[in-house]
Amino acid sequence: MAIFIGLLMIFSVAGFAIMGINFGGGNSGQQVQTPSVVDRALTRDEFRSVLMSGKTIIQNHYIVGCTDCDATSSLLAGFAQQMEGFIVLEQFGVQFQNETRLQVVSSDGKITELNSSALSQESLLDTICSVSYVQPKQCLLRGIGQTEPAAAPPAAEPAANETQNGAADNIGNVTGNGTGNISGAEGNATL
């Protein structure tokens, strides 16, 4: 019996060692390191790895020789570098108009088209914040300190001709019947 248990333990160790070997080659679950700005098409493994890591991809495929596209490309490159770790910009020139693309691909596969004529840092941030699964701190902190809460109106003091009999209960509960008569836990008031 002891020999059987010993052999079982040896074969268990050998079996787990064999199962741990990666026979498929390919990607063994490790993420492909991708810079924040890529001036070529991402490979399938890079594209998948970026999206699986929760990052968002901005695709800017423009016509080769387009002079108006330089401003858009530099805006997108600066934005991607600011959001490093959250965004990967894939930009490169294409030959034909039907191959152009200016869009955001979120980690869940949602594609959002961008309008190049209305493109700004703020509109990019709004888009990224609305579609990104993993959000940069700019998304989480925007709105804090931008608007002050509305001030409460000052409490009105009773006029000289108003009478109060008693007071409201300890926690401020007061009831009224809509006719100007208010009653609380310890008395009534007529307004």
Protein backbone atom coordinates (compact mmCIF):
# COMPACT_ATOMS: atom_id res chain seq x y z
CA MET A 1 0.00 0.00 0.00
CA ALA A 2 2.82 2.41 0.82
CA ILE A 3 4.39 1.75 -2.60
CA PHE A 4 1.10 2.57 -4.30
CA ILE A 5 0.76 5.89 -2.42
CA GLY A 6 4.43 6.75 -3.21
CA LEU A 7 3.93 6.05 -6.94
CA LEU A 8 0.72 8.07 -6.92
CA MET A 9 2.55 11.05 -5.45
CA ILE A 10 5.40 10.80 -7.99
CA PHE A 11 3.02 10.56 -10.96
CA SER A 12 0.94 13.47 -9.60
CA VAL A 13 4.03 15.69 -9.51
CA ALA A 14 5.02 14.59 -13.02
CA GLY A 15 1.48 15.15 -14.32
CA PHE A 16 1.28 18.69 -12.96
CA ALA A 17 4.71 19.48 -14.40
CA ILE A 18 3.66 18.29 -17.84
CA MET A 19 0.38 20.26 -17.69
CA GLY A 20 2.35 23.42 -16.83
CA ILE A 21 4.30 23.33 -20.10
CA ASN A 22 2.89 25.65 -22.79
CA PHE A 23 2.63 23.54 -25.95
CA GLY A 24 0.81 26.10 -28.09
CA GLY A 25 3.63 28.63 -28.57
CA GLY A 26 1.72 31.88 -29.09
CA ASN A 27 0.84 34.30 -26.35
CA SER A 28 0.97 32.65 -22.92
CA GLY A 29 -1.26 35.24 -21.26
CA GLN A 30 1.46 37.86 -20.95
CA GLN A 31 0.56 41.35 -22.03
CA VAL A 32 2.37 42.83 -25.00
CA GLN A 33 4.03 46.13 -24.04
CA THR A 34 2.70 48.88 -26.29
CA PRO A 35 3.81 52.53 -26.18
CA SER A 36 1.18 55.26 -25.86
CA VAL A 37 1.74 56.45 -29.46
CA VAL A 38 2.19 53.89 -32.27
CA ASP A 39 2.88 55.19 -35.80
CA ARG A 40 1.80 51.98 -37.52
CA ALA A 41 -1.08 49.52 -37.44
CA LEU A 42 -1.23 47.49 -34.24
CA THR A 43 -0.86 43.74 -34.65
CA ARG A 44 -3.75 41.55 -33.61
CA ASP A 45 -1.95 40.49 -30.44
CA GLU A 46 -1.13 44.11 -29.57
CA PHE A 47 -4.71 45.25 -30.24
CA ARG A 48 -6.16 42.44 -28.13
CA SER A 49 -3.62 42.93 -25.34
CA VAL A 50 -4.31 46.67 -25.12
CA LEU A 51 -8.07 46.15 -24.92
CA MET A 52 -7.78 43.25 -22.46
CA SER A 53 -5.68 45.44 -20.16
CA GLY A 54 -8.61 47.90 -19.94
CA LYS A 55 -6.97 50.59 -22.06
CA THR A 56 -8.71 52.51 -24.82
CA ILE A 57 -7.39 52.77 -28.39
CA ILE A 58 -7.69 55.93 -30.46
CA GLN A 59 -7.35 55.14 -34.16
CA ASN A 60 -6.26 57.94 -36.48
CA HIS A 61 -5.79 56.64 -40.03
CA TYR A 62 -5.34 59.63 -42.32
CA ILE A 63 -4.62 60.14 -46.03
CA VAL A 64 -0.89 60.29 -46.77
CA GLY A 65 0.13 63.89 -47.50
CA CYS A 66 -2.88 65.46 -45.76
CA THR A 67 -1.78 68.88 -44.52
CA ASP A 68 -4.85 69.45 -42.32
CA CYS A 69 -4.22 66.15 -40.54
CA ASP A 70 -0.99 67.33 -38.87
CA ALA A 71 -2.85 69.44 -36.31
CA THR A 72 -5.17 66.53 -35.46
CA SER A 73 -2.25 64.12 -35.21
CA SER A 74 -0.26 66.38 -32.89
CA LEU A 75 -3.35 67.02 -30.70
CA LEU A 76 -4.01 63.29 -30.42
CA ALA A 77 -0.33 62.48 -29.74
CA GLY A 78 -0.16 65.06 -26.95
CA PHE A 79 -3.40 63.77 -25.45
CA ALA A 80 -2.21 60.14 -25.58
CA GLN A 81 1.05 61.07 -23.85
CA GLN A 82 -0.91 62.88 -21.10
CA MET A 83 -3.07 59.79 -20.62
CA GLU A 84 -0.20 57.31 -20.80
CA GLY A 85 -1.20 54.02 -19.26
CA PHE A 86 -4.87 54.50 -20.20
CA ILE A 87 -4.79 55.23 -23.94
CA VAL A 88 -2.89 53.93 -26.96
CA LEU A 89 -2.92 56.07 -30.10
CA GLU A 90 -2.63 54.15 -33.36
CA GLN A 91 -1.94 56.62 -36.15
CA PHE A 92 -0.55 56.23 -39.64
CA GLY A 93 -1.13 57.31 -43.23
CA VAL A 94 -3.30 55.35 -45.66
CA GLN A 95 -3.58 55.53 -49.44
CA PHE A 96 -7.34 55.63 -50.00
CA GLN A 97 -10.15 57.72 -48.54
CA ASN A 98 -12.24 54.67 -47.61
CA GLU A 99 -9.41 53.50 -45.31
CA THR A 100 -9.42 56.66 -43.18
CA ARG A 101 -10.57 56.38 -39.62
CA LEU A 102 -10.82 58.64 -36.58
CA GLN A 103 -12.42 56.69 -33.75
CA VAL A 104 -12.11 55.47 -30.19
CA VAL A 105 -12.28 51.74 -29.39
CA SER A 106 -13.04 50.97 -25.74
CA SER A 107 -12.00 47.83 -23.91
CA ASP A 108 -15.50 46.36 -24.30
CA GLY A 109 -15.32 46.81 -28.09
CA LYS A 110 -17.55 49.88 -28.32
CA ILE A 111 -16.50 52.12 -31.23
CA THR A 112 -17.11 55.87 -31.02
CA GLU A 113 -16.51 58.04 -34.07
CA LEU A 114 -14.70 61.36 -33.52
CA ASN A 115 -15.37 64.57 -35.43
CA SER A 116 -12.02 66.04 -36.53
CA SER A 117 -13.43 69.56 -36.95
CA ALA A 118 -14.70 69.69 -33.33
CA LEU A 119 -11.73 67.90 -31.77
CA SER A 120 -10.25 69.40 -28.60
CA GLN A 121 -8.60 68.22 -25.39
CA GLU A 122 -11.92 68.65 -23.58
CA SER A 123 -13.99 66.75 -26.16
CA LEU A 124 -11.41 63.93 -26.17
CA LEU A 125 -11.50 63.76 -22.37
CA ASP A 126 -15.31 63.66 -22.41
CA THR A 127 -15.27 60.80 -24.92
CA ILE A 128 -12.56 58.85 -23.10
CA CYS A 129 -14.31 59.28 -19.75
CA SER A 130 -17.62 58.08 -21.17
CA VAL A 131 -16.30 54.90 -22.83
CA SER A 132 -13.24 53.84 -20.81
CA TYR A 133 -13.42 50.96 -18.39
CA VAL A 134 -10.19 51.96 -16.66
CA GLN A 135 -10.37 55.73 -16.25
CA PRO A 136 -7.53 58.19 -15.70
CA LYS A 137 -7.60 60.51 -12.70
CA GLN A 138 -8.68 63.40 -14.94
CA CYS A 139 -12.01 61.59 -15.44
CA LEU A 140 -12.44 60.84 -11.78
CA LEU A 141 -11.56 64.35 -10.60
CA ARG A 142 -13.28 66.47 -13.19
CA GLY A 143 -16.13 68.43 -11.77
CA ILE A 144 -14.60 68.66 -8.31
CA GLY A 145 -14.16 72.29 -7.38
CA GLN A 146 -15.55 73.57 -10.67
CA THR A 147 -18.96 74.58 -9.38
CA GLU A 148 -19.94 75.81 -5.98
CA PRO A 149 -23.13 74.48 -4.45
CA ALA A 150 -26.00 76.93 -4.39
CA ALA A 151 -26.22 78.87 -1.15
CA ALA A 152 -29.25 78.18 0.99
CA PRO A 153 -31.66 81.10 1.24
CA PRO A 154 -31.48 82.94 4.55
CA ALA A 155 -33.98 81.86 7.18
CA ALA A 156 -36.95 84.18 7.39
CA GLU A 157 -37.60 85.76 10.74
CA PRO A 158 -41.18 86.01 11.95
CA ALA A 159 -42.91 89.30 11.31
CA ALA A 160 -44.11 91.45 14.21
CA ASN A 161 -47.76 90.42 13.79
CA GLU A 162 -47.10 86.67 13.81
CA THR A 163 -47.62 84.77 17.02
CA GLN A 164 -46.04 81.53 18.09
CA ASN A 165 -47.28 79.33 20.85
CA GLY A 166 -44.88 76.58 21.82
CA ALA A 167 -42.06 75.05 19.81
CA ALA A 168 -41.41 72.18 17.49
CA ASP A 169 -40.28 68.82 18.84
CA ASN A 170 -36.65 67.96 19.58
CA ILE A 171 -35.76 66.96 16.05
CA GLY A 172 -37.51 69.80 14.28
CA ASN A 173 -40.62 68.03 13.03
CA VAL A 174 -43.39 70.53 12.35
CA THR A 175 -46.72 69.88 10.68
CA GLY A 176 -49.10 72.28 9.03
CA ASN A 177 -52.58 72.13 7.56
CA GLY A 178 -52.10 74.61 4.71
CA THR A 179 -54.15 77.38 6.33
CA GLY A 180 -51.31 79.05 8.15
CA ASN A 181 -51.81 77.01 11.32
CA ILE A 182 -48.76 74.97 12.23
CA SER A 183 -48.59 72.45 15.02
CA GLY A 184 -45.58 70.79 16.52
CA ALA A 185 -44.97 68.47 19.44
CA GLU A 186 -45.28 71.18 22.08
CA GLY A 187 -47.57 73.80 20.67
CA ASN A 188 -49.25 75.61 17.81
CA ALA A 189 -48.39 78.65 15.71
CA THR A 190 -50.67 80.85 13.67
CA LEU A 191 -49.18 82.65 10.69
